[in-house]
Amino acid sequence: MEPPANLKYTESHEWVRTEADGKLAVGITDHAQEALGDLVFIELPQVGRTVQAGEAIGVVESVKAASDIYAPVAGDVVEVNSGVTETPEQVNADAYANWLYKLKPANPGDTGKLLDAAAYAKVVGDA
């Protein structure tokens, strides 16, 4: 699956969507969920937690492996998607429709440092 052009990406395989209110919805990419296989457990950060860019703040586990989830930018966790913790297979079904948590960025301009879809496709070898 081609990475959607309206999102930003990290080299650690998170996607980022800027919401109308300025918050950032964060999930894992289709490439990441495909590499992991069937997801069986997702641990999300606590609401209210202040995070730094690149900090490991959660975990996704599959039948094959576990992988950290990283913060794409610095900010505060303002919401988590409890639906994906209850049924992690939703992320396998559509990684881009199922965000994991939302951040209020410390500096909204930091999203400009993230990868666009074309650059991410090169990272994963889809370009």
Protein backbone atom coordinates (compact mmCIF):
# COMPACT_ATOMS: atom_id res chain seq x y z
CA MET A 1 0.00 0.00 0.00
CA GLU A 2 1.27 3.44 -0.93
CA PRO A 3 1.67 5.76 2.06
CA PRO A 4 -1.13 8.39 1.95
CA ALA A 5 0.13 11.76 0.70
CA ASN A 6 -1.79 13.75 3.33
CA LEU A 7 0.25 12.29 6.22
CA LYS A 8 3.76 12.82 7.55
CA TYR A 9 6.04 9.92 8.55
CA THR A 10 8.99 8.96 10.72
CA GLU A 11 11.84 6.63 9.84
CA SER A 12 10.66 4.49 12.78
CA HIS A 13 7.38 3.83 10.88
CA GLU A 14 4.87 6.10 12.61
CA TRP A 15 2.42 8.21 10.62
CA VAL A 16 1.25 11.67 11.74
CA ARG A 17 -1.91 13.53 10.78
CA THR A 18 -2.45 17.15 11.84
CA GLU A 19 -6.03 17.56 13.05
CA ALA A 20 -8.12 20.72 12.59
CA ASP A 21 -7.49 21.69 16.26
CA GLY A 22 -3.70 21.42 15.84
CA LYS A 23 -3.35 18.10 17.67
CA LEU A 24 -1.41 15.32 15.99
CA ALA A 25 -2.97 11.89 15.53
CA VAL A 26 -0.24 9.22 15.48
CA GLY A 27 -0.36 5.63 14.30
CA ILE A 28 1.89 2.97 12.82
CA THR A 29 2.29 2.62 9.09
CA ASP A 30 0.97 -0.16 6.91
CA HIS A 31 4.58 -1.22 6.33
CA ALA A 32 5.09 -1.58 10.11
CA GLN A 33 1.94 -3.62 10.74
CA GLU A 34 2.74 -5.85 7.77
CA ALA A 35 6.28 -6.48 9.03
CA LEU A 36 5.00 -7.29 12.53
CA GLY A 37 2.18 -9.59 11.45
CA ASP A 38 -0.98 -10.19 13.45
CA LEU A 39 -1.06 -7.69 16.32
CA VAL A 40 -2.11 -9.13 19.68
CA PHE A 41 -1.32 -6.32 22.14
CA ILE A 42 -0.88 -2.54 22.07
CA GLU A 43 0.41 -0.51 25.02
CA LEU A 44 -0.23 3.21 24.71
CA PRO A 45 1.22 6.16 26.66
CA GLN A 46 -0.63 7.74 29.59
CA VAL A 47 -2.72 10.83 28.85
CA GLY A 48 -0.92 13.85 30.30
CA ARG A 49 2.55 12.45 29.67
CA THR A 50 5.08 14.92 28.26
CA VAL A 51 7.29 13.31 25.61
CA GLN A 52 10.38 14.19 23.63
CA ALA A 53 10.81 13.61 19.90
CA GLY A 54 12.10 10.09 19.30
CA GLU A 55 11.21 8.85 22.80
CA ALA A 56 9.80 5.32 23.05
CA ILE A 57 6.32 5.77 24.53
CA GLY A 58 4.42 2.58 23.79
CA VAL A 59 4.64 -0.94 22.40
CA VAL A 60 2.93 -2.97 19.69
CA GLU A 61 3.23 -6.74 19.97
CA SER A 62 2.44 -9.38 17.41
CA VAL A 63 2.68 -13.14 17.37
CA LYS A 64 6.17 -12.67 15.86
CA ALA A 65 7.72 -9.70 17.67
CA ALA A 66 7.35 -6.59 19.83
CA SER A 67 8.23 -3.12 18.65
CA ASP A 68 8.38 0.26 20.38
CA ILE A 69 6.18 3.16 19.33
CA TYR A 70 8.03 6.48 19.24
CA ALA A 71 6.93 10.09 19.63
CA PRO A 72 7.37 11.87 16.28
CA VAL A 73 7.75 15.29 17.94
CA ALA A 74 7.90 16.69 21.48
CA GLY A 75 4.61 17.41 23.18
CA ASP A 76 1.91 16.22 25.55
CA VAL A 77 -0.20 13.11 25.09
CA VAL A 78 -3.80 14.36 25.14
CA GLU A 79 -5.79 11.31 24.03
CA VAL A 80 -5.39 7.57 23.44
CA ASN A 81 -7.47 5.27 21.24
CA SER A 82 -8.62 2.59 23.68
CA GLY A 83 -10.42 0.82 20.82
CA VAL A 84 -7.12 -0.39 19.38
CA THR A 85 -5.97 -1.74 22.75
CA GLU A 86 -9.17 -3.79 22.98
CA THR A 87 -9.01 -5.04 19.37
CA PRO A 88 -5.44 -4.59 18.02
CA GLU A 89 -6.35 -6.40 14.80
CA GLN A 90 -8.06 -3.16 13.67
CA VAL A 91 -4.57 -1.81 12.96
CA ASN A 92 -3.81 -4.83 10.77
CA ALA A 93 -7.05 -4.27 8.86
CA ASP A 94 -6.34 -0.57 8.15
CA ALA A 95 -3.26 0.99 9.73
CA TYR A 96 -4.04 4.49 8.42
CA ALA A 97 -7.63 4.55 9.74
CA ASN A 98 -6.63 3.58 13.29
CA TRP A 99 -4.65 6.19 15.19
CA LEU A 100 -3.03 5.15 18.47
CA TYR A 101 -2.68 8.40 20.40
CA LYS A 102 -2.88 12.16 19.95
CA LEU A 103 -0.24 14.71 20.87
CA LYS A 104 -0.43 18.43 21.47
CA PRO A 105 2.93 19.40 19.94
CA ALA A 106 5.29 21.63 21.93
CA ASN A 107 6.20 23.32 18.63
CA PRO A 108 3.74 22.76 15.75
CA GLY A 109 6.49 23.63 13.26
CA ASP A 110 8.35 20.43 14.22
CA THR A 111 6.10 18.44 11.89
CA GLY A 112 7.98 20.10 9.03
CA LYS A 113 10.98 17.93 9.97
CA LEU A 114 9.02 14.72 9.33
CA LEU A 115 9.08 12.77 6.07
CA ASP A 116 6.51 13.24 3.34
CA ALA A 117 4.95 10.21 1.63
CA ALA A 118 7.53 10.08 -1.18
CA ALA A 119 10.48 10.21 1.25
CA TYR A 120 8.92 7.53 3.45
CA ALA A 121 8.32 5.30 0.43
CA LYS A 122 12.06 5.53 -0.29
CA VAL A 123 12.85 4.55 3.33
CA VAL A 124 10.79 1.37 3.03
CA GLY A 125 11.85 0.62 -0.53
CA ASP A 126 8.49 1.27 -2.18
CA ALA A 127 9.75 4.10 -4.38
